[in-house]
């Protein structure tokens, strides 16, 4: 796994997660309607971008997507728990669901990654 790409993608996705969480802290419609799908969507995009930028094999794309999607969600959900917007039990379940979304994003990124020329 390329730790440089992993770090950049995860940091960007974590910033998006935290931004969504902070917006949801002050806006009930965001909190009630976007947290679950928005969070998993951000994690899926993290996996997709990791795999596309990395351009590695299947194992690297899937593991990188899984870890990037899970790590950014863990940080976002952790902030949400700290702010008192969600129960602490969501930290485990939300992180697991988002890690799976990251894995799916990694697979999509691997399938759509540019291939080297002949």
N, C-alpha and C. Protein backbone atom coordinates (compact mmCIF):
# COMPACT_ATOMS: atom_id res chain seq x y z
N UNK A 1 0.85 -1.17 0.00
CA UNK A 1 0.00 0.00 0.00
C UNK A 1 0.89 1.24 0.00
N UNK A 2 0.50 2.21 -0.77
CA UNK A 2 1.25 3.45 -0.86
C UNK A 2 0.77 4.38 0.26
N UNK A 3 1.59 4.54 1.28
CA UNK A 3 1.17 5.32 2.45
C UNK A 3 1.02 6.81 2.15
N UNK A 4 1.78 7.30 1.20
CA UNK A 4 1.66 8.73 0.85
C UNK A 4 0.29 9.02 0.24
N UNK A 5 -0.11 8.21 -0.73
CA UNK A 5 -1.42 8.39 -1.35
C UNK A 5 -2.52 8.11 -0.32
N UNK A 6 -2.34 7.05 0.46
CA UNK A 6 -3.32 6.72 1.50
C UNK A 6 -3.52 7.90 2.45
N UNK A 7 -2.43 8.50 2.90
CA UNK A 7 -2.52 9.62 3.83
C UNK A 7 -3.24 10.81 3.24
N UNK A 8 -2.92 11.13 2.01
CA UNK A 8 -3.55 12.29 1.36
C UNK A 8 -5.04 12.07 1.15
N UNK A 9 -5.40 10.91 0.62
CA UNK A 9 -6.81 10.62 0.36
C UNK A 9 -7.59 10.57 1.67
N UNK A 10 -7.03 9.91 2.67
CA UNK A 10 -7.71 9.78 3.96
C UNK A 10 -7.87 11.14 4.63
N UNK A 11 -6.86 11.96 4.56
CA UNK A 11 -6.95 13.30 5.16
C UNK A 11 -8.03 14.14 4.48
N UNK A 12 -8.08 14.10 3.16
CA UNK A 12 -9.10 14.86 2.43
C UNK A 12 -10.50 14.35 2.77
N UNK A 13 -10.65 13.02 2.81
CA UNK A 13 -11.96 12.44 3.13
C UNK A 13 -12.34 12.72 4.58
N UNK A 14 -11.38 12.68 5.48
CA UNK A 14 -11.67 12.99 6.89
C UNK A 14 -12.11 14.45 7.03
N UNK A 15 -11.49 15.34 6.27
CA UNK A 15 -11.91 16.75 6.30
C UNK A 15 -13.35 16.89 5.83
N UNK A 16 -13.71 16.14 4.79
CA UNK A 16 -15.09 16.17 4.30
C UNK A 16 -16.05 15.60 5.34
N UNK A 17 -15.65 14.50 5.98
CA UNK A 17 -16.49 13.89 7.03
C UNK A 17 -16.70 14.87 8.18
N UNK A 18 -15.63 15.47 8.65
CA UNK A 18 -15.73 16.41 9.78
C UNK A 18 -16.55 17.63 9.38
N UNK A 19 -16.38 18.10 8.16
CA UNK A 19 -17.18 19.22 7.68
C UNK A 19 -18.66 18.90 7.69
N UNK A 20 -19.01 17.69 7.24
CA UNK A 20 -20.41 17.26 7.26
C UNK A 20 -20.93 17.16 8.68
N UNK A 21 -20.11 16.62 9.58
CA UNK A 21 -20.51 16.46 10.98
C UNK A 21 -20.73 17.81 11.65
N UNK A 22 -19.83 18.74 11.43
CA UNK A 22 -19.98 20.07 12.03
C UNK A 22 -21.22 20.77 11.47
N UNK A 23 -21.43 20.66 10.15
CA UNK A 23 -22.64 21.25 9.56
C UNK A 23 -23.89 20.60 10.15
N UNK A 24 -23.85 19.28 10.33
CA UNK A 24 -24.98 18.57 10.91
C UNK A 24 -25.21 18.90 12.37
N UNK A 25 -24.17 19.27 13.07
CA UNK A 25 -24.32 19.67 14.47
C UNK A 25 -25.19 20.91 14.59
N UNK A 26 -25.09 21.79 13.62
CA UNK A 26 -25.86 23.03 13.64
C UNK A 26 -27.12 22.99 12.78
N UNK A 27 -27.31 21.93 12.00
CA UNK A 27 -28.46 21.83 11.11
C UNK A 27 -29.08 20.44 11.22
N UNK A 28 -30.26 20.37 11.83
CA UNK A 28 -30.94 19.08 12.01
C UNK A 28 -31.23 18.37 10.69
N UNK A 29 -31.65 19.06 9.63
CA UNK A 29 -31.89 18.34 8.37
C UNK A 29 -30.64 17.63 7.83
N UNK A 30 -29.49 18.27 7.98
CA UNK A 30 -28.25 17.61 7.54
C UNK A 30 -27.99 16.40 8.43
N UNK A 31 -28.10 16.58 9.74
CA UNK A 31 -27.84 15.48 10.67
C UNK A 31 -28.81 14.32 10.42
N UNK A 32 -30.08 14.63 10.25
CA UNK A 32 -31.09 13.58 10.14
C UNK A 32 -31.12 12.91 8.77
N UNK A 33 -30.71 13.61 7.73
CA UNK A 33 -30.86 13.07 6.38
C UNK A 33 -29.55 12.73 5.67
N UNK A 34 -28.44 13.27 6.13
CA UNK A 34 -27.20 13.07 5.38
C UNK A 34 -26.12 12.26 6.09
N UNK A 35 -26.19 12.16 7.40
CA UNK A 35 -25.08 11.52 8.11
C UNK A 35 -24.78 10.12 7.59
N UNK A 36 -25.78 9.26 7.50
CA UNK A 36 -25.52 7.87 7.12
C UNK A 36 -25.05 7.75 5.67
N UNK A 37 -25.89 8.19 4.75
CA UNK A 37 -25.53 8.04 3.34
C UNK A 37 -24.39 8.96 2.93
N UNK A 38 -24.37 10.17 3.46
CA UNK A 38 -23.28 11.09 3.15
C UNK A 38 -21.94 10.56 3.64
N UNK A 39 -21.93 10.03 4.85
CA UNK A 39 -20.70 9.48 5.40
C UNK A 39 -20.19 8.29 4.62
N UNK A 40 -21.11 7.38 4.27
CA UNK A 40 -20.69 6.23 3.48
C UNK A 40 -20.29 6.64 2.07
N UNK A 41 -20.95 7.65 1.53
CA UNK A 41 -20.58 8.16 0.21
C UNK A 41 -19.18 8.74 0.20
N UNK A 42 -18.85 9.50 1.23
CA UNK A 42 -17.50 10.06 1.34
C UNK A 42 -16.48 8.93 1.45
N UNK A 43 -16.79 7.91 2.23
CA UNK A 43 -15.88 6.77 2.38
C UNK A 43 -15.72 6.02 1.06
N UNK A 44 -16.82 5.89 0.32
CA UNK A 44 -16.73 5.22 -0.97
C UNK A 44 -15.85 6.02 -1.93
N UNK A 45 -16.00 7.33 -1.92
CA UNK A 45 -15.15 8.17 -2.76
C UNK A 45 -13.68 8.09 -2.35
N UNK A 46 -13.43 7.97 -1.05
CA UNK A 46 -12.05 7.81 -0.58
C UNK A 46 -11.44 6.55 -1.16
N UNK A 47 -12.18 5.45 -1.12
CA UNK A 47 -11.70 4.20 -1.70
C UNK A 47 -11.49 4.31 -3.20
N UNK A 48 -12.43 4.94 -3.88
CA UNK A 48 -12.34 5.12 -5.32
C UNK A 48 -11.11 5.94 -5.70
N UNK A 49 -10.91 7.07 -5.02
CA UNK A 49 -9.76 7.91 -5.34
C UNK A 49 -8.44 7.23 -5.00
N UNK A 50 -8.40 6.50 -3.88
CA UNK A 50 -7.16 5.79 -3.55
C UNK A 50 -6.79 4.83 -4.69
N UNK A 51 -7.76 4.01 -5.09
CA UNK A 51 -7.47 3.00 -6.11
C UNK A 51 -7.13 3.63 -7.45
N UNK A 52 -7.82 4.67 -7.84
CA UNK A 52 -7.55 5.31 -9.14
C UNK A 52 -6.19 6.01 -9.15
N UNK A 53 -5.88 6.70 -8.07
CA UNK A 53 -4.59 7.40 -8.02
C UNK A 53 -3.44 6.40 -7.92
N UNK A 54 -3.62 5.39 -7.10
CA UNK A 54 -2.57 4.39 -6.89
C UNK A 54 -2.35 3.55 -8.13
N UNK A 55 -3.44 3.12 -8.76
CA UNK A 55 -3.30 2.31 -9.96
C UNK A 55 -2.65 0.96 -9.71
N UNK A 56 -2.77 0.43 -8.51
CA UNK A 56 -2.16 -0.86 -8.18
C UNK A 56 -3.06 -2.03 -8.53
N UNK A 57 -2.73 -3.17 -7.95
CA UNK A 57 -3.49 -4.38 -8.20
C UNK A 57 -4.75 -4.42 -7.34
N UNK A 58 -5.44 -5.55 -7.46
CA UNK A 58 -6.71 -5.70 -6.74
C UNK A 58 -6.53 -5.65 -5.23
N UNK A 59 -5.58 -6.38 -4.71
CA UNK A 59 -5.42 -6.43 -3.25
C UNK A 59 -5.11 -5.05 -2.69
N UNK A 60 -4.20 -4.34 -3.33
CA UNK A 60 -3.84 -3.00 -2.87
C UNK A 60 -5.04 -2.05 -2.94
N UNK A 61 -5.80 -2.12 -4.03
CA UNK A 61 -6.96 -1.24 -4.19
C UNK A 61 -8.03 -1.53 -3.15
N UNK A 62 -8.29 -2.80 -2.89
CA UNK A 62 -9.33 -3.17 -1.93
C UNK A 62 -8.92 -2.84 -0.50
N UNK A 63 -7.70 -3.18 -0.13
CA UNK A 63 -7.24 -2.90 1.23
C UNK A 63 -7.11 -1.39 1.45
N UNK A 64 -6.56 -0.68 0.48
CA UNK A 64 -6.44 0.77 0.60
C UNK A 64 -7.80 1.44 0.71
N UNK A 65 -8.76 0.99 -0.09
CA UNK A 65 -10.11 1.54 -0.02
C UNK A 65 -10.78 1.25 1.31
N UNK A 66 -10.64 0.02 1.78
CA UNK A 66 -11.22 -0.38 3.07
C UNK A 66 -10.66 0.46 4.20
N UNK A 67 -9.34 0.58 4.26
CA UNK A 67 -8.71 1.31 5.35
C UNK A 67 -8.96 2.82 5.26
N UNK A 68 -8.91 3.37 4.06
CA UNK A 68 -9.14 4.80 3.90
C UNK A 68 -10.59 5.15 4.25
N UNK A 69 -11.53 4.36 3.75
CA UNK A 69 -12.95 4.59 4.05
C UNK A 69 -13.25 4.45 5.52
N UNK A 70 -12.66 3.46 6.16
CA UNK A 70 -12.89 3.25 7.59
C UNK A 70 -12.23 4.31 8.45
N UNK A 71 -11.01 4.70 8.10
CA UNK A 71 -10.28 5.68 8.91
C UNK A 71 -10.94 7.05 8.88
N UNK A 72 -11.35 7.50 7.69
CA UNK A 72 -11.98 8.83 7.63
C UNK A 72 -13.32 8.82 8.35
N UNK A 73 -14.06 7.72 8.26
CA UNK A 73 -15.34 7.63 8.97
C UNK A 73 -15.13 7.61 10.48
N UNK A 74 -14.12 6.88 10.92
CA UNK A 74 -13.83 6.82 12.35
C UNK A 74 -13.58 8.21 12.91
N UNK A 75 -12.83 9.01 12.19
CA UNK A 75 -12.54 10.38 12.64
C UNK A 75 -13.81 11.23 12.63
N UNK A 76 -14.59 11.15 11.56
CA UNK A 76 -15.82 11.93 11.48
C UNK A 76 -16.82 11.54 12.54
N UNK A 77 -17.02 10.24 12.72
CA UNK A 77 -17.97 9.77 13.73
C UNK A 77 -17.45 10.10 15.13
N UNK A 78 -16.14 10.02 15.32
CA UNK A 78 -15.57 10.39 16.62
C UNK A 78 -15.89 11.83 16.99
N UNK A 79 -15.79 12.72 16.03
CA UNK A 79 -16.14 14.13 16.27
C UNK A 79 -17.62 14.24 16.60
N UNK A 80 -18.45 13.49 15.88
CA UNK A 80 -19.89 13.53 16.12
C UNK A 80 -20.25 12.99 17.51
N UNK A 81 -19.55 11.96 17.95
CA UNK A 81 -19.76 11.44 19.31
C UNK A 81 -19.33 12.50 20.32
N UNK A 82 -18.19 13.12 20.09
CA UNK A 82 -17.68 14.16 20.98
C UNK A 82 -18.67 15.33 21.09
N UNK A 83 -19.31 15.69 19.98
CA UNK A 83 -20.28 16.78 19.99
C UNK A 83 -21.63 16.37 20.58
N UNK A 84 -21.80 15.06 20.83
CA UNK A 84 -23.04 14.57 21.43
C UNK A 84 -24.18 14.36 20.45
N UNK A 85 -23.87 14.30 19.16
CA UNK A 85 -24.91 14.15 18.15
C UNK A 85 -25.30 12.70 17.87
N UNK A 86 -24.41 11.77 18.15
CA UNK A 86 -24.70 10.35 17.92
C UNK A 86 -24.18 9.55 19.11
N UNK A 87 -24.78 8.36 19.34
CA UNK A 87 -24.29 7.53 20.45
C UNK A 87 -22.94 6.90 20.12
N UNK A 88 -22.20 6.56 21.16
CA UNK A 88 -20.86 5.99 20.96
C UNK A 88 -20.91 4.65 20.23
N UNK A 89 -22.03 3.92 20.34
CA UNK A 89 -22.14 2.64 19.65
C UNK A 89 -22.04 2.81 18.13
N UNK A 90 -22.39 3.99 17.64
CA UNK A 90 -22.30 4.23 16.20
C UNK A 90 -20.85 4.25 15.72
N UNK A 91 -19.92 4.49 16.63
CA UNK A 91 -18.51 4.52 16.25
C UNK A 91 -18.10 3.18 15.63
N UNK A 92 -18.53 2.08 16.21
CA UNK A 92 -18.17 0.76 15.67
C UNK A 92 -18.98 0.43 14.42
N UNK A 93 -20.30 0.58 14.51
CA UNK A 93 -21.14 0.20 13.37
C UNK A 93 -20.94 1.12 12.17
N UNK A 94 -20.85 2.41 12.42
CA UNK A 94 -20.66 3.36 11.33
C UNK A 94 -19.31 3.20 10.66
N UNK A 95 -18.28 2.95 11.46
CA UNK A 95 -16.95 2.75 10.90
C UNK A 95 -16.92 1.48 10.05
N UNK A 96 -17.55 0.42 10.54
CA UNK A 96 -17.58 -0.84 9.77
C UNK A 96 -18.32 -0.66 8.45
N UNK A 97 -19.48 -0.02 8.49
CA UNK A 97 -20.24 0.21 7.26
C UNK A 97 -19.49 1.08 6.27
N UNK A 98 -18.83 2.10 6.78
CA UNK A 98 -18.07 2.99 5.91
C UNK A 98 -16.81 2.31 5.37
N UNK A 99 -16.22 1.41 6.14
CA UNK A 99 -15.08 0.65 5.64
C UNK A 99 -15.50 -0.23 4.47
N UNK A 100 -16.68 -0.84 4.57
CA UNK A 100 -17.20 -1.65 3.46
C UNK A 100 -17.47 -0.76 2.25
N UNK A 101 -18.01 0.44 2.49
CA UNK A 101 -18.22 1.39 1.39
C UNK A 101 -16.89 1.75 0.75
N UNK A 102 -15.85 1.94 1.56
CA UNK A 102 -14.52 2.22 1.02
C UNK A 102 -13.98 1.06 0.19
N UNK A 103 -14.26 -0.16 0.63
CA UNK A 103 -13.86 -1.35 -0.12
C UNK A 103 -14.55 -1.37 -1.48
N UNK A 104 -15.84 -1.07 -1.50
CA UNK A 104 -16.58 -1.01 -2.76
C UNK A 104 -16.01 0.09 -3.66
N UNK A 105 -15.70 1.24 -3.05
CA UNK A 105 -15.07 2.31 -3.82
C UNK A 105 -13.72 1.89 -4.37
N UNK A 106 -12.96 1.14 -3.58
CA UNK A 106 -11.67 0.64 -4.06
C UNK A 106 -11.83 -0.28 -5.25
N UNK A 107 -12.87 -1.13 -5.22
CA UNK A 107 -13.13 -2.01 -6.36
C UNK A 107 -13.53 -1.20 -7.59
N UNK A 108 -14.39 -0.20 -7.39
CA UNK A 108 -14.80 0.65 -8.52
C UNK A 108 -13.61 1.43 -9.07
N UNK A 109 -12.75 1.89 -8.18
CA UNK A 109 -11.57 2.61 -8.62
C UNK A 109 -10.62 1.73 -9.40
N UNK A 110 -10.47 0.50 -8.96
CA UNK A 110 -9.60 -0.45 -9.67
C UNK A 110 -10.16 -0.75 -11.06
N UNK A 111 -11.47 -0.90 -11.15
CA UNK A 111 -12.10 -1.20 -12.44
C UNK A 111 -12.01 -0.03 -13.41
N UNK A 112 -11.99 1.19 -12.90
CA UNK A 112 -12.01 2.37 -13.76
C UNK A 112 -10.67 3.09 -13.84
N UNK A 113 -9.65 2.55 -13.19
CA UNK A 113 -8.33 3.20 -13.20
C UNK A 113 -7.75 3.20 -14.61
N UNK A 114 -7.06 4.28 -14.97
CA UNK A 114 -6.41 4.30 -16.28
C UNK A 114 -5.36 3.20 -16.38
N UNK A 115 -5.31 2.57 -17.51
CA UNK A 115 -4.34 1.51 -17.74
C UNK A 115 -3.12 2.08 -18.46
N UNK A 116 -1.94 1.54 -18.15
CA UNK A 116 -0.75 2.00 -18.88
C UNK A 116 -0.86 1.62 -20.36
N UNK A 117 -0.29 2.44 -21.19
CA UNK A 117 -0.33 2.19 -22.64
C UNK A 117 0.50 0.98 -23.05
N UNK A 118 0.38 0.57 -24.33
CA UNK A 118 1.11 -0.63 -24.80
C UNK A 118 2.55 -0.46 -24.86
